[in-house]
C-alpha atoms as a PDB file:
ATOM      1  CA  UNK A   1     -41.632   0.658  44.441  1.00  0.00           C
ATOM      2  CA  UNK A   2     -38.856   3.280  44.532  1.00  0.00           C
ATOM      3  CA  UNK A   3     -40.493   6.415  45.931  1.00  0.00           C
ATOM      4  CA  UNK A   4     -38.174   8.530  43.835  1.00  0.00           C
ATOM      5  CA  UNK A   5     -40.023   7.194  40.825  1.00  0.00           C
ATOM      6  CA  UNK A   6     -43.371   8.607  41.943  1.00  0.00           C
ATOM      7  CA  UNK A   7     -44.592  12.153  42.259  1.00  0.00           C
ATOM      8  CA  UNK A   8     -45.509  11.449  45.894  1.00  0.00           C
ATOM      9  CA  UNK A   9     -45.148  15.014  47.048  1.00  0.00           C
ATOM     10  CA  UNK A  10     -48.249  16.300  45.234  1.00  0.00           C
ATOM     11  CA  UNK A  11     -50.511  17.948  47.797  1.00  0.00           C
ATOM     12  CA  UNK A  12     -53.898  16.305  48.200  1.00  0.00           C
ATOM     13  CA  UNK A  13     -55.730  19.489  47.337  1.00  0.00           C
ATOM     14  CA  UNK A  14     -53.674  20.086  44.198  1.00  0.00           C
ATOM     15  CA  UNK A  15     -54.245  16.593  42.847  1.00  0.00           C
ATOM     16  CA  UNK A  16     -57.864  16.629  43.941  1.00  0.00           C
ATOM     17  CA  UNK A  17     -58.489  19.767  41.925  1.00  0.00           C
ATOM     18  CA  UNK A  18     -57.351  17.911  38.809  1.00  0.00           C
ATOM     19  CA  UNK A  19     -58.808  14.449  39.447  1.00  0.00           C
ATOM     20  CA  UNK A  20     -62.361  13.153  39.582  1.00  0.00           C
ATOM     21  CA  UNK A  21     -63.684  10.171  41.483  1.00  0.00           C
ATOM     22  CA  UNK A  22     -63.561   6.824  39.725  1.00  0.00           C
ATOM     23  CA  UNK A  23     -66.120   4.028  39.814  1.00  0.00           C
ATOM     24  CA  UNK A  24     -66.997   0.971  37.658  1.00  0.00           C
ATOM     25  CA  UNK A  25     -69.584   1.434  34.935  1.00  0.00           C
ATOM     26  CA  UNK A  26     -71.191  -0.469  32.086  1.00  0.00           C
ATOM     27  CA  UNK A  27     -70.598   1.374  28.814  1.00  0.00           C
ATOM     28  CA  UNK A  28     -72.150   1.131  25.365  1.00  0.00           C
ATOM     29  CA  UNK A  29     -69.778  -0.388  22.820  1.00  0.00           C
ATOM     30  CA  UNK A  30     -67.926   2.113  20.675  1.00  0.00           C
ATOM     31  CA  UNK A  31     -64.549   3.403  19.548  1.00  0.00           C
ATOM     32  CA  UNK A  32     -62.925   6.796  19.991  1.00  0.00           C
ATOM     33  CA  UNK A  33     -59.701   8.159  18.524  1.00  0.00           C
ATOM     34  CA  UNK A  34     -57.535  11.237  18.210  1.00  0.00           C
ATOM     35  CA  UNK A  35     -54.396  12.510  16.545  1.00  0.00           C
ATOM     36  CA  UNK A  36     -52.567  14.407  19.270  1.00  0.00           C
ATOM     37  CA  UNK A  37     -51.495  17.990  18.643  1.00  0.00           C
ATOM     38  CA  UNK A  38     -48.415  19.750  19.972  1.00  0.00           C
ATOM     39  CA  UNK A  39     -48.308  22.122  22.941  1.00  0.00           C
ATOM     40  CA  UNK A  40     -45.541  24.175  24.535  1.00  0.00           C
ATOM     41  CA  UNK A  41     -43.047  23.845  21.710  1.00  0.00           C
ATOM     42  CA  UNK A  42     -42.946  20.076  21.647  1.00  0.00           C
ATOM     43  CA  UNK A  43     -41.751  18.405  18.453  1.00  0.00           C
ATOM     44  CA  UNK A  44     -43.504  15.127  19.233  1.00  0.00           C
ATOM     45  CA  UNK A  45     -46.602  13.469  17.826  1.00  0.00           C
ATOM     46  CA  UNK A  46     -49.048  10.766  18.811  1.00  0.00           C
ATOM     47  CA  UNK A  47     -52.248   8.901  18.116  1.00  0.00           C
ATOM     48  CA  UNK A  48     -54.673   7.157  20.423  1.00  0.00           C
ATOM     49  CA  UNK A  49     -57.711   4.900  20.133  1.00  0.00           C
ATOM     50  CA  UNK A  50     -59.999   3.786  22.933  1.00  0.00           C
ATOM     51  CA  UNK A  51     -62.269   0.827  22.112  1.00  0.00           C
ATOM     52  CA  UNK A  52     -65.127   0.282  24.564  1.00  0.00           C
ATOM     53  CA  UNK A  53     -66.829  -3.100  25.001  1.00  0.00           C
ATOM     54  CA  UNK A  54     -69.180  -3.409  27.943  1.00  0.00           C
ATOM     55  CA  UNK A  55     -67.344  -2.230  31.047  1.00  0.00           C
ATOM     56  CA  UNK A  56     -63.906  -2.647  29.429  1.00  0.00           C
ATOM     57  CA  UNK A  57     -61.797  -0.122  27.508  1.00  0.00           C
ATOM     58  CA  UNK A  58     -58.846  -1.078  25.306  1.00  0.00           C
ATOM     59  CA  UNK A  59     -56.364   1.727  24.671  1.00  0.00           C
ATOM     60  CA  UNK A  60     -53.729   1.933  21.961  1.00  0.00           C
ATOM     61  CA  UNK A  61     -51.531   5.000  22.496  1.00  0.00           C
ATOM     62  CA  UNK A  62     -48.541   5.581  20.215  1.00  0.00           C
ATOM     63  CA  UNK A  63     -46.186   8.469  20.908  1.00  0.00           C
ATOM     64  CA  UNK A  64     -42.920   9.574  19.283  1.00  0.00           C
ATOM     65  CA  UNK A  65     -40.560  12.524  19.171  1.00  0.00           C
ATOM     66  CA  UNK A  66     -40.936  13.704  22.780  1.00  0.00           C
ATOM     67  CA  UNK A  67     -38.143  14.578  25.203  1.00  0.00           C
ATOM     68  CA  UNK A  68     -36.124  11.381  25.268  1.00  0.00           C
ATOM     69  CA  UNK A  69     -32.915  10.718  27.181  1.00  0.00           C
ATOM     70  CA  UNK A  70     -29.937  12.257  28.893  1.00  0.00           C
ATOM     71  CA  UNK A  71     -27.026  10.299  30.398  1.00  0.00           C
ATOM     72  CA  UNK A  72     -28.767   7.049  29.390  1.00  0.00           C
ATOM     73  CA  UNK A  73     -31.826   7.679  31.584  1.00  0.00           C
ATOM     74  CA  UNK A  74     -35.341   7.681  30.068  1.00  0.00           C
ATOM     75  CA  UNK A  75     -37.676  10.644  30.380  1.00  0.00           C
ATOM     76  CA  UNK A  76     -40.892   9.546  32.129  1.00  0.00           C
ATOM     77  CA  UNK A  77     -44.107  10.861  30.519  1.00  0.00           C
ATOM     78  CA  UNK A  78     -47.475  10.587  32.242  1.00  0.00           C
ATOM     79  CA  UNK A  79     -50.717  10.713  30.239  1.00  0.00           C
ATOM     80  CA  UNK A  80     -54.387  10.877  31.083  1.00  0.00           C
ATOM     81  CA  UNK A  81     -57.914  11.060  29.786  1.00  0.00           C
ATOM     82  CA  UNK A  82     -59.261  14.373  31.034  1.00  0.00           C
ATOM     83  CA  UNK A  83     -62.905  15.375  30.884  1.00  0.00           C
ATOM     84  CA  UNK A  84     -65.890  17.189  32.331  1.00  0.00           C
ATOM     85  CA  UNK A  85     -65.110  20.500  30.632  1.00  0.00           C
ATOM     86  CA  UNK A  86     -65.157  21.848  27.059  1.00  0.00           C
ATOM     87  CA  UNK A  87     -63.546  18.831  25.406  1.00  0.00           C
ATOM     88  CA  UNK A  88     -60.825  21.028  23.909  1.00  0.00           C
ATOM     89  CA  UNK A  89     -57.072  21.525  24.104  1.00  0.00           C
ATOM     90  CA  UNK A  90     -55.753  24.747  25.657  1.00  0.00           C
ATOM     91  CA  UNK A  91     -54.607  27.711  23.591  1.00  0.00           C
ATOM     92  CA  UNK A  92     -51.865  30.293  24.305  1.00  0.00           C
ATOM     93  CA  UNK A  93     -54.448  32.695  25.735  1.00  0.00           C
ATOM     94  CA  UNK A  94     -55.013  30.194  28.571  1.00  0.00           C
ATOM     95  CA  UNK A  95     -51.523  30.969  29.948  1.00  0.00           C
ATOM     96  CA  UNK A  96     -52.890  32.851  32.952  1.00  0.00           C
ATOM     97  CA  UNK A  97     -49.643  34.258  34.332  1.00  0.00           C
ATOM     98  CA  UNK A  98     -48.027  34.909  30.948  1.00  0.00           C
ATOM     99  CA  UNK A  99     -44.846  32.967  31.743  1.00  0.00           C
ATOM    100  CA  UNK A 100     -44.783  31.342  28.296  1.00  0.00           C
ATOM    101  CA  UNK A 101     -45.779  27.832  29.426  1.00  0.00           C
ATOM    102  CA  UNK A 102     -49.290  26.389  29.399  1.00  0.00           C
ATOM    103  CA  UNK A 103     -49.173  24.487  32.667  1.00  0.00           C
ATOM    104  CA  UNK A 104     -51.517  21.682  33.659  1.00  0.00           C
ATOM    105  CA  UNK A 105     -53.836  23.982  35.576  1.00  0.00           C
ATOM    106  CA  UNK A 106     -54.025  26.432  32.661  1.00  0.00           C
ATOM    107  CA  UNK A 107     -55.542  23.644  30.590  1.00  0.00           C
ATOM    108  CA  UNK A 108     -58.325  22.618  32.954  1.00  0.00           C
ATOM    109  CA  UNK A 109     -60.707  25.225  31.495  1.00  0.00           C
ATOM    110  CA  UNK A 110     -60.466  23.384  28.179  1.00  0.00           C
ATOM    111  CA  UNK A 111     -59.938  19.721  29.082  1.00  0.00           C
ATOM    112  CA  UNK A 112     -61.078  19.394  32.717  1.00  0.00           C
ATOM    113  CA  UNK A 113     -59.820  17.097  35.457  1.00  0.00           C
ATOM    114  CA  UNK A 114     -58.153  13.691  35.295  1.00  0.00           C
ATOM    115  CA  UNK A 115     -60.686  10.892  34.733  1.00  0.00           C
ATOM    116  CA  UNK A 116     -58.354   8.010  33.820  1.00  0.00           C
ATOM    117  CA  UNK A 117     -54.570   7.644  33.961  1.00  0.00           C
ATOM    118  CA  UNK A 118     -53.185   5.813  30.928  1.00  0.00           C
ATOM    119  CA  UNK A 119     -50.599   3.785  32.796  1.00  0.00           C
ATOM    120  CA  UNK A 120     -48.393   1.094  31.274  1.00  0.00           C
ATOM    121  CA  UNK A 121     -49.675  -1.440  33.825  1.00  0.00           C
ATOM    122  CA  UNK A 122     -51.599  -1.636  37.081  1.00  0.00           C
ATOM    123  CA  UNK A 123     -54.195   0.843  38.297  1.00  0.00           C
ATOM    124  CA  UNK A 124     -55.635   3.523  36.016  1.00  0.00           C
ATOM    125  CA  UNK A 125     -57.418   5.790  38.481  1.00  0.00           C
ATOM    126  CA  UNK A 126     -56.810   9.540  38.845  1.00  0.00           C
ATOM    127  CA  UNK A 127     -54.709   8.820  41.934  1.00  0.00           C
ATOM    128  CA  UNK A 128     -52.029   7.364  39.615  1.00  0.00           C
ATOM    129  CA  UNK A 129     -51.937  10.609  37.647  1.00  0.00           C
ATOM    130  CA  UNK A 130     -48.405  11.493  38.742  1.00  0.00           C
ATOM    131  CA  UNK A 131     -46.915   8.011  38.981  1.00  0.00           C
ATOM    132  CA  UNK A 132     -43.661   8.147  37.015  1.00  0.00           C
ATOM    133  CA  UNK A 133     -42.951   4.424  37.176  1.00  0.00           C
ATOM    134  CA  UNK A 134     -46.207   3.661  35.351  1.00  0.00           C
ATOM    135  CA  UNK A 135     -45.718   6.408  32.772  1.00  0.00           C
ATOM    136  CA  UNK A 136     -44.291   6.053  29.298  1.00  0.00           C
ATOM    137  CA  UNK A 137     -40.491   5.990  29.247  1.00  0.00           C
ATOM    138  CA  UNK A 138     -38.367   7.829  26.698  1.00  0.00           C
ATOM    139  CA  UNK A 139     -39.310   9.838  23.636  1.00  0.00           C
ATOM    140  CA  UNK A 140     -41.170   7.091  21.729  1.00  0.00           C
ATOM    141  CA  UNK A 141     -43.356   4.390  23.247  1.00  0.00           C
ATOM    142  CA  UNK A 142     -46.582   2.451  22.861  1.00  0.00           C
ATOM    143  CA  UNK A 143     -49.177   1.689  25.517  1.00  0.00           C
ATOM    144  CA  UNK A 144     -51.599  -1.112  24.628  1.00  0.00           C
ATOM    145  CA  UNK A 145     -53.793  -2.483  27.391  1.00  0.00           C
ATOM    146  CA  UNK A 146     -57.363  -3.200  28.532  1.00  0.00           C
ATOM    147  CA  UNK A 147     -58.789  -1.885  31.804  1.00  0.00           C
ATOM    148  CA  UNK A 148     -62.078  -1.322  33.644  1.00  0.00           C
ATOM    149  CA  UNK A 149     -63.823   1.843  32.439  1.00  0.00           C
ATOM    150  CA  UNK A 150     -65.113   4.219  35.108  1.00  0.00           C
ATOM    151  CA  UNK A 151     -68.411   6.076  34.915  1.00  0.00           C
ATOM    152  CA  UNK A 152     -66.872   9.522  34.541  1.00  0.00           C
ATOM    153  CA  UNK A 153     -64.715   8.543  31.574  1.00  0.00           C
ATOM    154  CA  UNK A 154     -67.638   6.736  29.935  1.00  0.00           C
ATOM    155  CA  UNK A 155     -69.845   9.813  30.250  1.00  0.00           C
ATOM    156  CA  UNK A 156     -67.151  12.109  28.905  1.00  0.00           C
ATOM    157  CA  UNK A 157     -66.480   9.852  25.911  1.00  0.00           C
ATOM    158  CA  UNK A 158     -70.159   9.737  25.055  1.00  0.00           C
ATOM    159  CA  UNK A 159     -70.476  13.521  25.468  1.00  0.00           C
ATOM    160  CA  UNK A 160     -67.476  14.204  23.238  1.00  0.00           C
ATOM    161  CA  UNK A 161     -65.546  15.957  26.014  1.00  0.00           C
ATOM    162  CA  UNK A 162     -62.832  13.346  26.694  1.00  0.00           C
ATOM    163  CA  UNK A 163     -59.328  14.651  25.979  1.00  0.00           C
ATOM    164  CA  UNK A 164     -56.013  12.766  26.058  1.00  0.00           C
ATOM    165  CA  UNK A 165     -53.067  14.775  27.405  1.00  0.00           C
ATOM    166  CA  UNK A 166     -49.420  13.643  27.454  1.00  0.00           C
ATOM    167  CA  UNK A 167     -47.170  15.570  29.875  1.00  0.00           C
ATOM    168  CA  UNK A 168     -43.449  16.376  29.976  1.00  0.00           C
ATOM    169  CA  UNK A 169     -41.638  19.058  27.966  1.00  0.00           C
ATOM    170  CA  UNK A 170     -38.166  19.260  26.482  1.00  0.00           C
ATOM    171  CA  UNK A 171     -36.320  22.302  27.880  1.00  0.00           C
ATOM    172  CA  UNK A 172     -34.509  22.648  24.541  1.00  0.00           C
ATOM    173  CA  UNK A 173     -37.750  23.318  22.638  1.00  0.00           C
ATOM    174  CA  UNK A 174     -40.102  24.768  25.276  1.00  0.00           C
ATOM    175  CA  UNK A 175     -39.155  28.300  24.285  1.00  0.00           C
ATOM    176  CA  UNK A 176     -38.686  29.634  27.810  1.00  0.00           C
ATOM    177  CA  UNK A 177     -35.711  30.343  30.045  1.00  0.00           C
ATOM    178  CA  UNK A 178     -34.231  27.715  32.317  1.00  0.00           C
ATOM    179  CA  UNK A 179     -35.495  29.789  35.238  1.00  0.00           C
ATOM    180  CA  UNK A 180     -39.090  29.493  34.037  1.00  0.00           C
ATOM    181  CA  UNK A 181     -38.739  25.818  33.096  1.00  0.00           C
ATOM    182  CA  UNK A 182     -37.293  25.037  36.509  1.00  0.00           C
ATOM    183  CA  UNK A 183     -39.822  27.091  38.451  1.00  0.00           C
ATOM    184  CA  UNK A 184     -42.149  25.208  40.793  1.00  0.00           C
ATOM    185  CA  UNK A 185     -44.757  23.029  39.114  1.00  0.00           C
ATOM    186  CA  UNK A 186     -48.346  24.119  39.569  1.00  0.00           C
ATOM    187  CA  UNK A 187     -49.271  20.596  40.732  1.00  0.00           C
ATOM    188  CA  UNK A 188     -46.189  19.521  42.696  1.00  0.00           C
ATOM    189  CA  UNK A 189     -43.905  21.737  44.803  1.00  0.00           C
ATOM    190  CA  UNK A 190     -40.971  19.355  44.293  1.00  0.00           C
ATOM    191  CA  UNK A 191     -40.990  19.224  40.485  1.00  0.00           C
ATOM    192  CA  UNK A 192     -40.081  21.700  37.732  1.00  0.00           C
ATOM    193  CA  UNK A 193     -42.916  23.330  35.832  1.00  0.00           C
ATOM    194  CA  UNK A 194     -41.761  22.010  32.477  1.00  0.00           C
ATOM    195  CA  UNK A 195     -41.673  18.379  33.597  1.00  0.00           C
ATOM    196  CA  UNK A 196     -45.396  18.326  34.449  1.00  0.00           C
ATOM    197  CA  UNK A 197     -46.779  20.620  31.734  1.00  0.00           C
ATOM    198  CA  UNK A 198     -48.725  19.214  28.743  1.00  0.00           C
ATOM    199  CA  UNK A 199     -46.804  18.320  25.590  1.00  0.00           C
ATOM    200  CA  UNK A 200     -49.465  16.601  23.436  1.00  0.00           C
ATOM    201  CA  UNK A 201     -53.245  16.925  23.456  1.00  0.00           C
ATOM    202  CA  UNK A 202     -56.214  15.648  21.465  1.00  0.00           C
ATOM    203  CA  UNK A 203     -59.993  15.272  21.834  1.00  0.00           C
ATOM    204  CA  UNK A 204     -61.332  11.711  21.538  1.00  0.00           C
ATOM    205  CA  UNK A 205     -64.031  11.504  18.881  1.00  0.00           C
ATOM    206  CA  UNK A 206     -66.236   8.602  17.824  1.00  0.00           C
ATOM    207  CA  UNK A 207     -64.676   6.429  15.098  1.00  0.00           C
ATOM    208  CA  UNK A 208     -64.924   2.963  13.584  1.00  0.00           C
ATOM    209  CA  UNK A 209     -63.882   0.247  16.041  1.00  0.00           C
ATOM    210  CA  UNK A 210     -60.130  -0.326  16.036  1.00  0.00           C
ATOM    211  CA  UNK A 211     -59.255   2.439  13.558  1.00  0.00           C
ATOM    212  CA  UNK A 212     -56.206   4.566  14.252  1.00  0.00           C
ATOM    213  CA  UNK A 213     -56.545   8.217  13.200  1.00  0.00           C
ATOM    214  CA  UNK A 214     -54.687   9.400  10.117  1.00  0.00           C
ATOM    215  CA  UNK A 215     -51.159  10.667  10.599  1.00  0.00           C
ATOM    216  CA  UNK A 216     -50.337   8.310  13.442  1.00  0.00           C
ATOM    217  CA  UNK A 217     -46.952   8.153  15.091  1.00  0.00           C
ATOM    218  CA  UNK A 218     -44.520   5.457  14.015  1.00  0.00           C
ATOM    219  CA  UNK A 219     -43.217   4.038  17.271  1.00  0.00           C
ATOM    220  CA  UNK A 220     -41.186   1.079  18.427  1.00  0.00           C
ATOM    221  CA  UNK A 221     -41.986  -1.783  20.728  1.00  0.00           C
ATOM    222  CA  UNK A 222     -44.445  -1.609  23.600  1.00  0.00           C
ATOM    223  CA  UNK A 223     -43.167   0.166  26.695  1.00  0.00           C
ATOM    224  CA  UNK A 224     -41.333  -1.834  29.335  1.00  0.00           C
ATOM    225  CA  UNK A 225     -42.061  -0.922  32.951  1.00  0.00           C
ATOM    226  CA  UNK A 226     -40.438  -1.260  36.327  1.00  0.00           C
ATOM    227  CA  UNK A 227     -37.203   0.637  35.617  1.00  0.00           C
ATOM    228  CA  UNK A 228     -35.500   2.119  38.651  1.00  0.00           C
ATOM    229  CA  UNK A 229     -33.660   5.265  37.617  1.00  0.00           C
ATOM    230  CA  UNK A 230     -32.439   7.923  39.985  1.00  0.00           C
ATOM    231  CA  UNK A 231     -32.061  10.479  37.189  1.00  0.00           C
ATOM    232  CA  UNK A 232     -35.079  11.348  35.056  1.00  0.00           C
ATOM    233  CA  UNK A 233     -33.998  12.364  31.571  1.00  0.00           C
ATOM    234  CA  UNK A 234     -35.057  15.328  29.493  1.00  0.00           C
ATOM    235  CA  UNK A 235     -34.021  15.691  25.873  1.00  0.00           C
ATOM    236  CA  UNK A 236     -31.259  18.275  26.156  1.00  0.00           C
ATOM    237  CA  UNK A 237     -31.535  18.524  29.940  1.00  0.00           C
ATOM    238  CA  UNK A 238     -31.383  16.625  33.197  1.00  0.00           C
ATOM    239  CA  UNK A 239     -33.875  16.119  35.975  1.00  0.00           C
ATOM    240  CA  UNK A 240     -32.291  14.982  39.201  1.00  0.00           C
ATOM    241  CA  UNK A 241     -34.899  13.079  41.181  1.00  0.00           C
ATOM    242  CA  UNK A 242     -34.717  13.336  44.956  1.00  0.00           C
ATOM    243  CA  UNK A 243     -36.747  11.453  47.542  1.00  0.00           C
ATOM    244  CA  UNK A 244     -40.137  12.860  48.513  1.00  0.00           C
ATOM    245  CA  UNK A 245     -39.644  16.271  50.031  1.00  0.00           C
ATOM    246  CA  UNK A 246     -36.479  16.896  47.985  1.00  0.00           C
ATOM    247  CA  UNK A 247     -35.913  19.105  44.988  1.00  0.00           C
ATOM    248  CA  UNK A 248     -35.579  18.680  41.227  1.00  0.00           C
ATOM    249  CA  UNK A 249     -33.227  20.489  38.873  1.00  0.00           C
ATOM    250  CA  UNK A 250     -33.326  20.774  35.108  1.00  0.00           C
ATOM    251  CA  UNK A 251     -30.163  21.835  33.324  1.00  0.00           C
ATOM    252  CA  UNK A 252     -29.976  22.575  29.635  1.00  0.00           C
ATOM    253  CA  UNK A 253     -26.834  21.156  28.009  1.00  0.00           C
ATOM    254  CA  UNK A 254     -24.640  23.130  25.624  1.00  0.00           C
ATOM    255  CA  UNK A 255     -25.505  20.658  22.886  1.00  0.00           C
ATOM    256  CA  UNK A 256     -29.196  21.349  23.360  1.00  0.00           C
ATOM    257  CA  UNK A 257     -28.645  25.052  22.772  1.00  0.00           C
ATOM    258  CA  UNK A 258     -27.077  24.431  19.400  1.00  0.00           C
END
C-alpha cells in the first residue's frame, strides 16, 4: 500500500482519543438508517442503512455532492460509525475555538469516538479511521458491504447513540479563509483541518429491514478501491499528499472563488 494514501502520521494518543476498542459480538437482528445532514458548509447529501443479522452487519451508504476532483484526482472521504456519547450531530456552538470550522474533536461531545470505520473493503476497525485508500473516492460514491459487527457498535446501535459521520470539506464552500482551512488538523499534524473535519452526519435509528431513509442520495456505481494518487483532490482546491512526516497544502482555485 502506498503510504501517501494513508493518514499514517496520526499520533497514537490523538487517534486513541477518538477510537474505541473493537471486538466480535453477537447482535440481535435489526435495521438502522439515517439521512445525513450537512455540516461545515457542505453541499452534499447522503443516506445510510445498517442491517444487522447475528454477528454480521450489512451497510449501504450512498453519498453525493461532496468535494469531488481537481486535476483529475479524486477526493478521498473517510466515514465512520461513532458512538458512546449523546447520539447527536454537533452544532455551531460546539466550535470550541471559534475558528468557524467544527473539527472532528469538536463533535465528540455529540457523537463520541470511532466504533467502526466504513471502509470500501478490508478491515473496519477504528484503527482504519484515517485510511485514505479505503475511503470513498470523489464527490459521489456508494459503499455496500457486509462485515463483522463489534460489541461497541452493537451496543450503540441498540442504545440509539450510533452516528455516521463522513469527513472531508470543500474549501470553496467551507466558509473560512484558506489560512484556517489549511491550519493543522486536530487529529493529524500533517493534514489540513478542512480535510479531516466532518461534512455529513446522521444518527442511526431503528427502521424496517432494508429500508433506505426518505430523501436518499442518487449516486453512481459502487466505489472502486486501490487507486494510487499522489494528489488528493478537493472540489475547488488541491491537497498535495507527501510521505509520512511531510506536509499538505490546500489551494483554492480562482474558479472556485467565482
